[in-house]
Amino acid sequence: MPHKHQAILDEFGYAIRHLVPTVPKEVVEEAKTLHSELLANPEATAEQVLAAMVKIGKAEFPHRRAFHDLAGEVSEAHRLELVLEHLEPNVREKVQTYLNSGVKLEEFVKSSMFELELTAEERYQVEDGIMHAEDHIKEEAPAKVEEKRAEYDKRVTAWKEKQAVMEAKIEELRALANKDAKWKEEILDKVKTMEEGWSVTERDPDPIEIEKEIEYWKGTMGDEG
């Protein structure tokens, strides 16, 4: 019989299998253990599953952000090179014309000119070339990042510091919930949403959104007072 939270546990399992390759092994092992324990416990609650996903998401966060920072920097030119190599000469020439004018490949693909200047078959070639390049980049990225290990570690530290600030700001918002019973439930609901953003399956909390919420509720309470 499937687990009552099978769908979200499946998401958790998928996320674990796709953690960035530079995440420490102990984080990966903890994630697998938590997932297995929850899967084996038919009484596990949705809150327990989410708590596990948030815990792993927080542990992965600085490593994922540092990895994508460096992988993006070291691979951009190589990605374009791989895409162009994938194209037939006539299609490559068309694409290169726009690139030479200063337009980035992503911008060209999203533009009306992509539809107007290329046939359906040529557009497919470009789109297939982009996917082909992404697959290669994913395979090569770990080694590329490892070559810059010192820079990677530096970025992990920087992202941990940013993460600590974001968590402190969320706690600042939580504290505001105790200042006025009228708004307590609504503020705590906002806090819950932001905390869920740490989940390994969700988008990260937005520090700008957190600040805006704090400013909004401070202003609201000031007006009410």
N, C-alpha and C. Protein backbone atom coordinates (compact mmCIF):
# COMPACT_ATOMS: atom_id res chain seq x y z
N MET A 1 0.85 -1.20 0.00
CA MET A 1 0.00 0.00 0.00
C MET A 1 0.89 1.26 0.00
N PRO A 2 0.62 2.17 -0.90
CA PRO A 2 1.45 3.39 -0.96
C PRO A 2 1.35 4.21 0.32
N HIS A 3 2.41 4.91 0.60
CA HIS A 3 2.43 5.80 1.76
C HIS A 3 1.41 6.92 1.55
N LYS A 4 0.78 7.37 2.63
CA LYS A 4 -0.24 8.43 2.49
C LYS A 4 0.36 9.74 1.98
N HIS A 5 1.70 9.88 2.12
CA HIS A 5 2.38 11.06 1.60
C HIS A 5 3.36 10.66 0.50
N GLN A 6 2.97 9.65 -0.28
CA GLN A 6 3.85 9.08 -1.30
C GLN A 6 4.30 10.13 -2.31
N ALA A 7 3.38 10.98 -2.73
CA ALA A 7 3.71 11.96 -3.78
C ALA A 7 4.83 12.90 -3.35
N ILE A 8 4.71 13.43 -2.14
CA ILE A 8 5.74 14.37 -1.67
C ILE A 8 7.03 13.63 -1.34
N LEU A 9 6.91 12.38 -0.89
CA LEU A 9 8.12 11.58 -0.63
C LEU A 9 8.83 11.24 -1.94
N ASP A 10 8.07 11.06 -2.99
CA ASP A 10 8.67 10.82 -4.31
C ASP A 10 9.44 12.07 -4.75
N GLU A 11 8.86 13.24 -4.50
CA GLU A 11 9.54 14.50 -4.82
C GLU A 11 10.84 14.62 -4.03
N PHE A 12 10.76 14.24 -2.77
CA PHE A 12 11.94 14.29 -1.89
C PHE A 12 13.02 13.36 -2.44
N GLY A 13 12.64 12.16 -2.82
CA GLY A 13 13.60 11.20 -3.36
C GLY A 13 14.24 11.70 -4.65
N TYR A 14 13.43 12.31 -5.50
CA TYR A 14 13.95 12.86 -6.76
C TYR A 14 14.96 13.97 -6.46
N ALA A 15 14.61 14.84 -5.51
CA ALA A 15 15.51 15.95 -5.15
C ALA A 15 16.83 15.42 -4.60
N ILE A 16 16.77 14.37 -3.81
CA ILE A 16 18.00 13.78 -3.25
C ILE A 16 18.90 13.26 -4.36
N ARG A 17 18.29 12.61 -5.34
CA ARG A 17 19.08 12.07 -6.46
C ARG A 17 19.68 13.17 -7.32
N HIS A 18 19.17 14.38 -7.19
CA HIS A 18 19.65 15.49 -8.01
C HIS A 18 20.31 16.60 -7.19
N LEU A 19 20.77 16.26 -6.00
CA LEU A 19 21.56 17.23 -5.23
C LEU A 19 22.83 17.55 -6.03
N VAL A 20 23.32 18.78 -5.92
CA VAL A 20 24.53 19.11 -6.67
C VAL A 20 25.68 18.21 -6.21
N PRO A 21 26.56 17.85 -7.13
CA PRO A 21 27.60 16.86 -6.81
C PRO A 21 28.62 17.29 -5.77
N THR A 22 28.66 18.56 -5.42
CA THR A 22 29.63 19.02 -4.41
C THR A 22 29.06 19.04 -3.00
N VAL A 23 27.81 18.64 -2.84
CA VAL A 23 27.23 18.56 -1.49
C VAL A 23 28.00 17.50 -0.69
N PRO A 24 28.38 17.81 0.56
CA PRO A 24 29.12 16.84 1.37
C PRO A 24 28.40 15.50 1.48
N LYS A 25 29.17 14.43 1.50
CA LYS A 25 28.59 13.09 1.54
C LYS A 25 27.69 12.88 2.75
N GLU A 26 28.07 13.51 3.88
CA GLU A 26 27.25 13.31 5.08
C GLU A 26 25.85 13.90 4.92
N VAL A 27 25.74 14.97 4.13
CA VAL A 27 24.42 15.56 3.88
C VAL A 27 23.59 14.61 3.02
N VAL A 28 24.23 14.03 2.00
CA VAL A 28 23.54 13.09 1.12
C VAL A 28 23.08 11.87 1.91
N GLU A 29 23.96 11.36 2.77
CA GLU A 29 23.61 10.18 3.57
C GLU A 29 22.48 10.48 4.54
N GLU A 30 22.52 11.65 5.16
CA GLU A 30 21.44 12.03 6.07
C GLU A 30 20.12 12.15 5.32
N ALA A 31 20.18 12.71 4.12
CA ALA A 31 18.97 12.86 3.31
C ALA A 31 18.37 11.49 2.99
N LYS A 32 19.22 10.56 2.58
CA LYS A 32 18.75 9.21 2.25
C LYS A 32 18.16 8.52 3.47
N THR A 33 18.80 8.70 4.63
CA THR A 33 18.31 8.09 5.86
C THR A 33 16.95 8.64 6.25
N LEU A 34 16.83 9.96 6.21
CA LEU A 34 15.56 10.60 6.55
C LEU A 34 14.45 10.12 5.61
N HIS A 35 14.77 10.06 4.33
CA HIS A 35 13.78 9.63 3.33
C HIS A 35 13.35 8.19 3.60
N SER A 36 14.30 7.32 3.87
CA SER A 36 13.99 5.91 4.12
C SER A 36 13.14 5.74 5.38
N GLU A 37 13.49 6.48 6.43
CA GLU A 37 12.75 6.39 7.68
C GLU A 37 11.32 6.86 7.53
N LEU A 38 11.15 7.95 6.80
CA LEU A 38 9.79 8.48 6.58
C LEU A 38 8.97 7.52 5.73
N LEU A 39 9.61 6.96 4.70
CA LEU A 39 8.93 6.03 3.81
C LEU A 39 8.48 4.77 4.56
N ALA A 40 9.30 4.36 5.54
CA ALA A 40 9.00 3.15 6.30
C ALA A 40 8.02 3.39 7.44
N ASN A 41 7.70 4.64 7.70
CA ASN A 41 6.81 4.98 8.81
C ASN A 41 5.44 5.42 8.27
N PRO A 42 4.45 4.53 8.29
CA PRO A 42 3.13 4.89 7.73
C PRO A 42 2.44 5.99 8.52
N GLU A 43 2.91 6.24 9.75
CA GLU A 43 2.29 7.27 10.58
C GLU A 43 2.98 8.64 10.42
N ALA A 44 4.01 8.70 9.59
CA ALA A 44 4.71 9.97 9.39
C ALA A 44 3.74 11.03 8.89
N THR A 45 3.83 12.22 9.47
CA THR A 45 2.93 13.31 9.10
C THR A 45 3.53 14.16 7.97
N ALA A 46 2.67 14.94 7.36
CA ALA A 46 3.13 15.85 6.31
C ALA A 46 4.13 16.85 6.88
N GLU A 47 3.90 17.25 8.13
CA GLU A 47 4.80 18.19 8.80
C GLU A 47 6.19 17.58 9.00
N GLN A 48 6.25 16.29 9.31
CA GLN A 48 7.54 15.62 9.50
C GLN A 48 8.29 15.50 8.17
N VAL A 49 7.55 15.21 7.12
CA VAL A 49 8.17 15.11 5.80
C VAL A 49 8.73 16.47 5.40
N LEU A 50 7.93 17.52 5.58
CA LEU A 50 8.38 18.87 5.21
C LEU A 50 9.59 19.29 6.04
N ALA A 51 9.57 18.96 7.33
CA ALA A 51 10.69 19.32 8.20
C ALA A 51 11.98 18.67 7.71
N ALA A 52 11.90 17.43 7.26
CA ALA A 52 13.08 16.73 6.73
C ALA A 52 13.56 17.40 5.45
N MET A 53 12.63 17.79 4.60
CA MET A 53 12.98 18.43 3.33
C MET A 53 13.59 19.81 3.56
N VAL A 54 13.10 20.50 4.57
CA VAL A 54 13.66 21.81 4.91
C VAL A 54 15.07 21.65 5.47
N LYS A 55 15.25 20.65 6.32
CA LYS A 55 16.56 20.41 6.92
C LYS A 55 17.61 20.15 5.85
N ILE A 56 17.29 19.30 4.89
CA ILE A 56 18.24 18.99 3.82
C ILE A 56 18.40 20.19 2.89
N GLY A 57 17.33 20.89 2.64
CA GLY A 57 17.41 22.07 1.79
C GLY A 57 18.34 23.12 2.36
N LYS A 58 18.27 23.33 3.68
CA LYS A 58 19.16 24.30 4.32
C LYS A 58 20.61 23.84 4.24
N ALA A 59 20.82 22.54 4.40
CA ALA A 59 22.19 22.01 4.34
C ALA A 59 22.77 22.10 2.93
N GLU A 60 21.91 21.92 1.94
CA GLU A 60 22.38 21.96 0.55
C GLU A 60 22.57 23.39 0.05
N PHE A 61 21.77 24.31 0.55
CA PHE A 61 21.69 25.67 0.01
C PHE A 61 23.04 26.31 -0.34
N PRO A 62 23.97 26.47 0.62
CA PRO A 62 25.22 27.17 0.28
C PRO A 62 26.05 26.43 -0.76
N HIS A 63 25.99 25.10 -0.75
CA HIS A 63 26.75 24.31 -1.72
C HIS A 63 26.14 24.42 -3.11
N ARG A 64 24.81 24.41 -3.17
CA ARG A 64 24.14 24.53 -4.47
C ARG A 64 24.38 25.90 -5.08
N ARG A 65 24.26 26.95 -4.26
CA ARG A 65 24.46 28.29 -4.80
C ARG A 65 25.91 28.49 -5.25
N ALA A 66 26.86 28.00 -4.46
CA ALA A 66 28.27 28.13 -4.82
C ALA A 66 28.58 27.33 -6.09
N PHE A 67 28.01 26.14 -6.17
CA PHE A 67 28.23 25.28 -7.34
C PHE A 67 27.71 25.95 -8.61
N HIS A 68 26.48 26.47 -8.54
CA HIS A 68 25.90 27.09 -9.73
C HIS A 68 26.62 28.38 -10.10
N ASP A 69 27.10 29.11 -9.09
CA ASP A 69 27.90 30.31 -9.36
C ASP A 69 29.10 29.96 -10.24
N LEU A 70 29.86 28.99 -9.78
CA LEU A 70 31.10 28.64 -10.48
C LEU A 70 30.84 27.88 -11.78
N ALA A 71 29.89 26.96 -11.74
CA ALA A 71 29.58 26.19 -12.95
C ALA A 71 29.13 27.12 -14.06
N GLY A 72 28.35 28.14 -13.71
CA GLY A 72 27.90 29.10 -14.71
C GLY A 72 29.05 29.90 -15.29
N GLU A 73 29.97 30.30 -14.44
CA GLU A 73 31.10 31.11 -14.89
C GLU A 73 32.04 30.33 -15.79
N VAL A 74 32.34 29.11 -15.41
CA VAL A 74 33.34 28.36 -16.17
C VAL A 74 32.77 27.73 -17.44
N SER A 75 31.45 27.68 -17.56
CA SER A 75 30.87 26.91 -18.66
C SER A 75 30.19 27.73 -19.74
N GLU A 76 29.98 29.03 -19.54
CA GLU A 76 29.18 29.81 -20.48
C GLU A 76 29.75 29.78 -21.89
N ALA A 77 31.03 30.09 -22.03
CA ALA A 77 31.65 30.09 -23.36
C ALA A 77 31.65 28.68 -23.95
N HIS A 78 31.91 27.69 -23.09
CA HIS A 78 31.95 26.31 -23.55
C HIS A 78 30.56 25.85 -24.00
N ARG A 79 29.53 26.29 -23.29
CA ARG A 79 28.15 25.94 -23.65
C ARG A 79 27.83 26.44 -25.07
N LEU A 80 28.19 27.67 -25.34
CA LEU A 80 27.94 28.25 -26.66
C LEU A 80 28.72 27.49 -27.73
N GLU A 81 29.94 27.15 -27.42
CA GLU A 81 30.79 26.39 -28.36
C GLU A 81 30.14 25.05 -28.70
N LEU A 82 29.61 24.37 -27.68
CA LEU A 82 28.97 23.07 -27.89
C LEU A 82 27.71 23.20 -28.74
N VAL A 83 26.95 24.25 -28.51
CA VAL A 83 25.73 24.46 -29.29
C VAL A 83 26.08 24.68 -30.75
N LEU A 84 27.04 25.55 -31.01
CA LEU A 84 27.41 25.86 -32.40
C LEU A 84 27.98 24.64 -33.12
N GLU A 85 28.74 23.82 -32.40
CA GLU A 85 29.30 22.61 -33.00
C GLU A 85 28.20 21.63 -33.42
N HIS A 86 27.07 21.70 -32.72
CA HIS A 86 25.96 20.78 -32.96
C HIS A 86 25.17 21.16 -34.22
N LEU A 87 25.34 22.38 -34.70
CA LEU A 87 24.54 22.88 -35.82
C LEU A 87 25.18 22.62 -37.17
N GLU A 88 24.34 22.47 -38.18
CA GLU A 88 24.83 22.37 -39.54
C GLU A 88 25.40 23.73 -39.96
N PRO A 89 26.35 23.76 -40.89
CA PRO A 89 27.03 25.01 -41.25
C PRO A 89 26.11 26.17 -41.58
N ASN A 90 25.05 25.92 -42.36
CA ASN A 90 24.16 27.02 -42.76
C ASN A 90 23.39 27.59 -41.56
N VAL A 91 23.00 26.70 -40.64
CA VAL A 91 22.27 27.14 -39.45
C VAL A 91 23.23 27.87 -38.51
N ARG A 92 24.43 27.35 -38.40
CA ARG A 92 25.44 27.98 -37.55
C ARG A 92 25.73 29.40 -38.03
N GLU A 93 25.78 29.55 -39.35
CA GLU A 93 26.06 30.88 -39.91
C GLU A 93 24.94 31.87 -39.57
N LYS A 94 23.70 31.42 -39.66
CA LYS A 94 22.57 32.29 -39.32
C LYS A 94 22.63 32.72 -37.85
N VAL A 95 22.85 31.74 -36.98
CA VAL A 95 22.90 32.03 -35.55
C VAL A 95 24.08 32.94 -35.23
N GLN A 96 25.22 32.64 -35.84
CA GLN A 96 26.43 33.42 -35.57
C GLN A 96 26.27 34.88 -35.97
N THR A 97 25.47 35.14 -36.99
CA THR A 97 25.22 36.52 -37.42
C THR A 97 24.63 37.34 -36.28
N TYR A 98 23.70 36.76 -35.57
CA TYR A 98 23.07 37.47 -34.45
C TYR A 98 24.00 37.56 -33.26
N LEU A 99 24.73 36.50 -33.02
CA LEU A 99 25.68 36.51 -31.90
C LEU A 99 26.74 37.59 -32.12
N ASN A 100 27.18 37.74 -33.36
CA ASN A 100 28.21 38.74 -33.67
C ASN A 100 27.71 40.18 -33.47
N SER A 101 26.38 40.34 -33.50
CA SER A 101 25.82 41.67 -33.30
C SER A 101 25.62 42.00 -31.82
N GLY A 102 26.02 41.05 -30.97
CA GLY A 102 25.94 41.30 -29.53
C GLY A 102 24.76 40.66 -28.84
N VAL A 103 23.91 39.96 -29.59
CA VAL A 103 22.74 39.29 -29.01
C VAL A 103 23.17 37.95 -28.43
N LYS A 104 22.74 37.67 -27.20
CA LYS A 104 23.07 36.38 -26.59
C LYS A 104 22.16 35.29 -27.16
N LEU A 105 22.65 34.07 -27.12
CA LEU A 105 21.90 32.95 -27.70
C LEU A 105 20.51 32.84 -27.08
N GLU A 106 20.43 32.95 -25.75
CA GLU A 106 19.14 32.82 -25.06
C GLU A 106 18.17 33.90 -25.51
N GLU A 107 18.69 35.10 -25.72
CA GLU A 107 17.85 36.22 -26.17
C GLU A 107 17.35 35.97 -27.59
N PHE A 108 18.24 35.46 -28.43
CA PHE A 108 17.87 35.18 -29.82
C PHE A 108 16.77 34.12 -29.89
N VAL A 109 16.92 33.06 -29.11
CA VAL A 109 15.94 31.97 -29.12
C VAL A 109 14.56 32.45 -28.66
N LYS A 110 14.52 33.43 -27.77
CA LYS A 110 13.24 33.95 -27.25
C LYS A 110 12.68 35.06 -28.13
N SER A 111 13.45 35.53 -29.09
CA SER A 111 13.03 36.67 -29.92
C SER A 111 12.15 36.22 -31.09
N SER A 112 11.46 37.20 -31.68
CA SER A 112 10.62 36.93 -32.86
C SER A 112 11.49 36.54 -34.06
N MET A 113 12.74 37.03 -34.09
CA MET A 113 13.63 36.72 -35.20
C MET A 113 13.93 35.22 -35.29
N PHE A 114 13.92 34.56 -34.17
CA PHE A 114 14.17 33.12 -34.15
C PHE A 114 13.10 32.40 -34.97
N GLU A 115 11.86 32.87 -34.83
CA GLU A 115 10.75 32.27 -35.58
C GLU A 115 10.77 32.70 -37.04
N LEU A 116 11.15 33.95 -37.28
CA LEU A 116 11.09 34.49 -38.62
C LEU A 116 12.25 34.06 -39.52
N GLU A 117 13.44 33.97 -38.94
CA GLU A 117 14.64 33.74 -39.75
C GLU A 117 15.02 32.26 -39.89
N LEU A 118 14.50 31.43 -39.00
CA LEU A 118 14.86 30.00 -39.05
C LEU A 118 13.62 29.15 -39.34
N THR A 119 13.82 28.09 -40.10
CA THR A 119 12.73 27.16 -40.37
C THR A 119 12.48 26.31 -39.12
N ALA A 120 11.40 25.58 -39.13
CA ALA A 120 11.07 24.73 -37.99
C ALA A 120 12.20 23.72 -37.74
N GLU A 121 12.73 23.16 -38.82
CA GLU A 121 13.82 22.19 -38.69
C GLU A 121 15.08 22.84 -38.11
N GLU A 122 15.36 24.07 -38.55
CA GLU A 122 16.54 24.79 -38.05
C GLU A 122 16.37 25.17 -36.58
N ARG A 123 15.15 25.57 -36.19
CA ARG A 123 14.88 25.90 -34.80
C ARG A 123 15.06 24.67 -33.93
N TYR A 124 14.61 23.54 -34.45
CA TYR A 124 14.77 22.29 -33.70
C TYR A 124 16.25 21.98 -33.48
N GLN A 125 17.04 22.22 -34.50
CA GLN A 125 18.49 22.00 -34.39
C GLN A 125 19.10 22.82 -33.26
N VAL A 126 18.72 24.09 -33.21
CA VAL A 126 19.24 24.98 -32.18
C VAL A 126 18.79 24.52 -30.80
N GLU A 127 17.50 24.23 -30.66
CA GLU A 127 16.95 23.80 -29.37
C GLU A 127 17.57 22.48 -28.93
N ASP A 128 17.75 21.57 -29.89
CA ASP A 128 18.37 20.29 -29.57
C ASP A 128 19.84 20.50 -29.19
N GLY A 129 20.49 21.45 -29.86
CA GLY A 129 21.88 21.76 -29.54
C GLY A 129 22.03 22.31 -28.13
N ILE A 130 21.07 23.12 -27.70
CA ILE A 130 21.10 23.67 -26.35
C ILE A 130 20.96 22.55 -25.32
N MET A 131 20.03 21.63 -25.56
CA MET A 131 19.85 20.50 -24.63
C MET A 131 21.09 19.61 -24.61
N HIS A 132 21.64 19.40 -25.79
CA HIS A 132 22.86 18.59 -25.92
C HIS A 132 24.01 19.23 -25.11
N ALA A 133 24.14 20.54 -25.22
CA ALA A 133 25.19 21.26 -24.49
C ALA A 133 24.96 21.19 -22.99
N GLU A 134 23.71 21.33 -22.56
CA GLU A 134 23.40 21.29 -21.13
C GLU A 134 23.77 19.94 -20.54
N ASP A 135 23.50 18.88 -21.28
CA ASP A 135 23.85 17.52 -20.80
C ASP A 135 25.36 17.40 -20.61
N HIS A 136 26.12 17.92 -21.55
CA HIS A 136 27.58 17.86 -21.46
C HIS A 136 28.09 18.70 -20.28
N ILE A 137 27.49 19.87 -20.11
CA ILE A 137 27.91 20.77 -19.03
C ILE A 137 27.69 20.11 -17.67
N LYS A 138 26.54 19.46 -17.53
CA LYS A 138 26.23 18.78 -16.25
C LYS A 138 27.27 17.71 -15.93
N GLU A 139 27.71 17.01 -16.98
CA GLU A 139 28.71 15.96 -16.78
C GLU A 139 30.08 16.54 -16.44
N GLU A 140 30.40 17.67 -17.06
CA GLU A 140 31.73 18.26 -16.90
C GLU A 140 31.85 19.19 -15.70
N ALA A 141 30.71 19.75 -15.26
CA ALA A 141 30.73 20.79 -14.23
C ALA A 141 31.45 20.39 -12.93
N PRO A 142 31.20 19.18 -12.39
CA PRO A 142 31.88 18.83 -11.14
C PRO A 142 33.40 18.94 -11.23
N ALA A 143 33.97 18.45 -12.33
CA ALA A 143 35.43 18.51 -12.49
C ALA A 143 35.90 19.95 -12.65
N LYS A 144 35.11 20.76 -13.38
CA LYS A 144 35.46 22.16 -13.58
C LYS A 144 35.46 22.91 -12.25
N VAL A 145 34.44 22.64 -11.43
CA VAL A 145 34.35 23.30 -10.13
C VAL A 145 35.49 22.83 -9.22
N GLU A 146 35.81 21.55 -9.30
CA GLU A 146 36.88 21.01 -8.45
C GLU A 146 38.21 21.69 -8.74
N GLU A 147 38.40 22.10 -9.98
CA GLU A 147 39.63 22.81 -10.34
C GLU A 147 39.72 24.15 -9.61
N LYS A 148 38.59 24.66 -9.20
CA LYS A 148 38.53 25.94 -8.50
C LYS A 148 38.07 25.72 -7.06
N ARG A 149 38.59 24.70 -6.42
CA ARG A 149 38.11 24.30 -5.10
C ARG A 149 38.22 25.42 -4.06
N ALA A 150 39.32 26.14 -4.08
CA ALA A 150 39.49 27.21 -3.09
C ALA A 150 38.42 28.28 -3.27
N GLU A 151 38.14 28.62 -4.52
CA GLU A 151 37.11 29.62 -4.80
C GLU A 151 35.73 29.08 -4.41
N TYR A 152 35.52 27.79 -4.67
CA TYR A 152 34.25 27.15 -4.30
C TYR A 152 34.03 27.24 -2.79
N ASP A 153 35.05 26.87 -2.02
CA ASP A 153 34.94 26.91 -0.55
C ASP A 153 34.67 28.33 -0.05
N LYS A 154 35.30 29.29 -0.70
CA LYS A 154 35.10 30.69 -0.34
C LYS A 154 33.64 31.09 -0.59
N ARG A 155 33.09 30.64 -1.69
CA ARG A 155 31.71 30.97 -2.03
C ARG A 155 30.72 30.27 -1.10
N VAL A 156 31.03 29.05 -0.71
CA VAL A 156 30.17 28.34 0.25
C VAL A 156 30.09 29.14 1.54
N THR A 157 31.23 29.61 2.01
CA THR A 157 31.26 30.41 3.24
C THR A 157 30.42 31.67 3.09
N ALA A 158 30.55 32.33 1.95
CA ALA A 158 29.79 33.55 1.70
C ALA A 158 28.29 33.27 1.68
N TRP A 159 27.90 32.16 1.05
CA TRP A 159 26.48 31.82 0.99
C TRP A 159 25.95 31.39 2.36
N LYS A 160 26.78 30.78 3.17
CA LYS A 160 26.36 30.44 4.53
C LYS A 160 26.09 31.70 5.33
N GLU A 161 26.90 32.71 5.13
CA GLU A 161 26.70 33.98 5.83
C GLU A 161 25.39 34.64 5.37
N LYS A 162 25.13 34.60 4.07
CA LYS A 162 23.88 35.16 3.56
C LYS A 162 22.68 34.38 4.08
N GLN A 163 22.85 33.07 4.15
CA GLN A 163 21.78 32.21 4.66
C GLN A 163 21.46 32.55 6.12
N ALA A 164 22.50 32.76 6.92
CA ALA A 164 22.31 33.10 8.33
C ALA A 164 21.54 34.40 8.49
N VAL A 165 21.85 35.36 7.62
CA VAL A 165 21.15 36.65 7.65
C VAL A 165 19.68 36.45 7.30
N MET A 166 19.41 35.65 6.27
CA MET A 166 18.03 35.39 5.86
C MET A 166 17.25 34.69 6.96
N GLU A 167 17.87 33.72 7.62
CA GLU A 167 17.19 33.02 8.71
C GLU A 167 16.90 33.97 9.87
N ALA A 168 17.85 34.86 10.16
CA ALA A 168 17.65 35.83 11.24
C ALA A 168 16.50 36.77 10.90
N LYS A 169 16.38 37.15 9.64
CA LYS A 169 15.30 38.04 9.22
C LYS A 169 13.94 37.35 9.32
N ILE A 170 13.91 36.07 8.98
CA ILE A 170 12.65 35.31 9.12
C ILE A 170 12.25 35.25 10.59
N GLU A 171 13.23 35.08 11.47
CA GLU A 171 12.94 35.06 12.90
C GLU A 171 12.48 36.44 13.38
N GLU A 172 13.00 37.49 12.79
CA GLU A 172 12.55 38.84 13.13
C GLU A 172 11.08 39.01 12.77
N LEU A 173 10.71 38.46 11.60
CA LEU A 173 9.31 38.51 11.20
C LEU A 173 8.44 37.69 12.15
N ARG A 174 8.94 36.52 12.55
CA ARG A 174 8.19 35.66 13.48
C ARG A 174 7.93 36.39 14.80
N ALA A 175 8.95 37.13 15.25
CA ALA A 175 8.82 37.85 16.52
C ALA A 175 7.72 38.90 16.46
N LEU A 176 7.48 39.47 15.28
CA LEU A 176 6.43 40.48 15.13
C LEU A 176 5.05 39.89 15.38
N ALA A 177 4.93 38.57 15.18
CA ALA A 177 3.63 37.92 15.38
C ALA A 177 3.16 38.02 16.83
N ASN A 178 4.09 38.17 17.75
CA ASN A 178 3.74 38.23 19.18
C ASN A 178 3.40 39.64 19.65
N LYS A 179 3.50 40.60 18.74
CA LYS A 179 3.27 41.99 19.14
C LYS A 179 1.81 42.42 19.04
N ASP A 180 1.04 41.67 18.22
CA ASP A 180 -0.36 42.03 18.08
C ASP A 180 -1.14 40.76 17.72
N ALA A 181 -2.00 40.33 18.64
CA ALA A 181 -2.75 39.09 18.45
C ALA A 181 -3.61 39.12 17.19
N LYS A 182 -4.03 40.32 16.79
CA LYS A 182 -4.90 40.46 15.62
C LYS A 182 -4.23 39.95 14.35
N TRP A 183 -2.92 40.16 14.27
CA TRP A 183 -2.19 39.82 13.05
C TRP A 183 -1.34 38.54 13.19
N LYS A 184 -1.39 37.94 14.38
CA LYS A 184 -0.49 36.82 14.66
C LYS A 184 -0.61 35.69 13.65
N GLU A 185 -1.81 35.24 13.39
CA GLU A 185 -2.00 34.09 12.49
C GLU A 185 -1.52 34.41 11.07
N GLU A 186 -1.82 35.62 10.60
CA GLU A 186 -1.43 36.00 9.25
C GLU A 186 0.09 36.10 9.11
N ILE A 187 0.74 36.65 10.12
CA ILE A 187 2.20 36.77 10.08
C ILE A 187 2.85 35.40 10.13
N LEU A 188 2.36 34.54 11.02
CA LEU A 188 2.93 33.20 11.13
C LEU A 188 2.72 32.40 9.85
N ASP A 189 1.64 32.67 9.15
CA ASP A 189 1.41 32.00 7.87
C ASP A 189 2.47 32.43 6.86
N LYS A 190 2.83 33.73 6.88
CA LYS A 190 3.89 34.23 6.00
C LYS A 190 5.23 33.58 6.36
N VAL A 191 5.49 33.46 7.66
CA VAL A 191 6.72 32.83 8.13
C VAL A 191 6.79 31.38 7.65
N LYS A 192 5.68 30.68 7.77
CA LYS A 192 5.60 29.27 7.35
C LYS A 192 5.94 29.13 5.86
N THR A 193 5.38 30.03 5.05
CA THR A 193 5.65 30.00 3.61
C THR A 193 7.13 30.23 3.32
N MET A 194 7.72 31.17 4.05
CA MET A 194 9.15 31.46 3.84
C MET A 194 10.02 30.30 4.30
N GLU A 195 9.66 29.69 5.41
CA GLU A 195 10.41 28.53 5.90
C GLU A 195 10.33 27.38 4.91
N GLU A 196 9.16 27.20 4.31
CA GLU A 196 8.99 26.13 3.33
C GLU A 196 9.87 26.35 2.11
N GLY A 197 10.26 27.61 1.89
CA GLY A 197 11.15 27.91 0.77
C GLY A 197 12.51 27.25 0.90
N TRP A 198 12.88 26.89 2.13
CA TRP A 198 14.16 26.20 2.33
C TRP A 198 14.09 24.74 1.88
N SER A 199 12.87 24.23 1.69
CA SER A 199 12.72 22.83 1.30
C SER A 199 13.53 22.53 0.05
N VAL A 200 14.09 21.35 0.01
CA VAL A 200 14.94 20.94 -1.11
C VAL A 200 14.16 20.86 -2.42
N THR A 201 12.82 20.90 -2.34
CA THR A 201 12.01 20.84 -3.56
C THR A 201 11.39 22.19 -3.94
N GLU A 202 11.68 23.23 -3.16
CA GLU A 202 11.08 24.54 -3.41
C GLU A 202 12.13 25.57 -3.81
N ARG A 203 11.65 26.74 -4.27
CA ARG A 203 12.59 27.82 -4.57
C ARG A 203 13.04 28.45 -3.26
N ASP A 204 14.22 29.02 -3.26
CA ASP A 204 14.78 29.59 -2.03
C ASP A 204 13.97 30.79 -1.55
N PRO A 205 13.98 31.04 -0.24
CA PRO A 205 13.35 32.26 0.26
C PRO A 205 14.03 33.47 -0.38
N ASP A 206 13.25 34.50 -0.64
CA ASP A 206 13.76 35.71 -1.28
C ASP A 206 14.05 36.76 -0.21
N PRO A 207 15.32 37.14 -0.01
CA PRO A 207 15.64 38.11 1.05
C PRO A 207 14.92 39.44 0.88
N ILE A 208 14.66 39.83 -0.37
CA ILE A 208 13.95 41.09 -0.62
C ILE A 208 12.50 40.97 -0.15
N GLU A 209 11.88 39.83 -0.43
CA GLU A 209 10.51 39.60 0.01
C GLU A 209 10.42 39.58 1.54
N ILE A 210 11.41 39.00 2.18
CA ILE A 210 11.43 38.94 3.64
C ILE A 210 11.49 40.36 4.21
N GLU A 211 12.38 41.16 3.67
CA GLU A 211 12.51 42.55 4.12
C GLU A 211 11.21 43.32 3.92
N LYS A 212 10.59 43.12 2.78
CA LYS A 212 9.34 43.83 2.49
C LYS A 212 8.25 43.44 3.48
N GLU A 213 8.20 42.15 3.84
CA GLU A 213 7.20 41.70 4.81
C GLU A 213 7.45 42.34 6.18
N ILE A 214 8.70 42.40 6.58
CA ILE A 214 9.04 43.01 7.87
C ILE A 214 8.64 44.48 7.88
N GLU A 215 8.99 45.18 6.81
CA GLU A 215 8.65 46.60 6.71
C GLU A 215 7.13 46.80 6.70
N TYR A 216 6.43 45.93 5.97
CA TYR A 216 4.97 46.04 5.86
C TYR A 216 4.32 45.88 7.23
N TRP A 217 4.72 44.83 7.95
CA TRP A 217 4.08 44.57 9.24
C TRP A 217 4.48 45.58 10.30
N LYS A 218 5.68 46.05 10.24
CA LYS A 218 6.08 47.12 11.17
C LYS A 218 5.24 48.36 10.92
N GLY A 219 5.05 48.68 9.63
CA GLY A 219 4.23 49.83 9.28
C GLY A 219 2.77 49.65 9.68
N THR A 220 2.26 48.44 9.42
CA THR A 220 0.87 48.15 9.77
C THR A 220 0.63 48.28 11.26
N MET A 221 1.54 47.72 12.03
CA MET A 221 1.39 47.79 13.47
C MET A 221 1.55 49.22 13.99
N GLY A 222 2.41 49.96 13.31
CA GLY A 222 2.58 51.36 13.70
C GLY A 222 1.30 52.14 13.42
N ASP A 223 0.70 51.86 12.28
CA ASP A 223 -0.55 52.55 11.92
C ASP A 223 -1.66 52.16 12.89
N GLU A 224 -1.68 50.88 13.26
CA GLU A 224 -2.72 50.40 14.17
C GLU A 224 -2.55 51.03 15.56
N GLY A 225 -1.28 51.27 15.92
CA GLY A 225 -1.01 51.84 17.24
C GLY A 225 -1.35 53.30 17.27
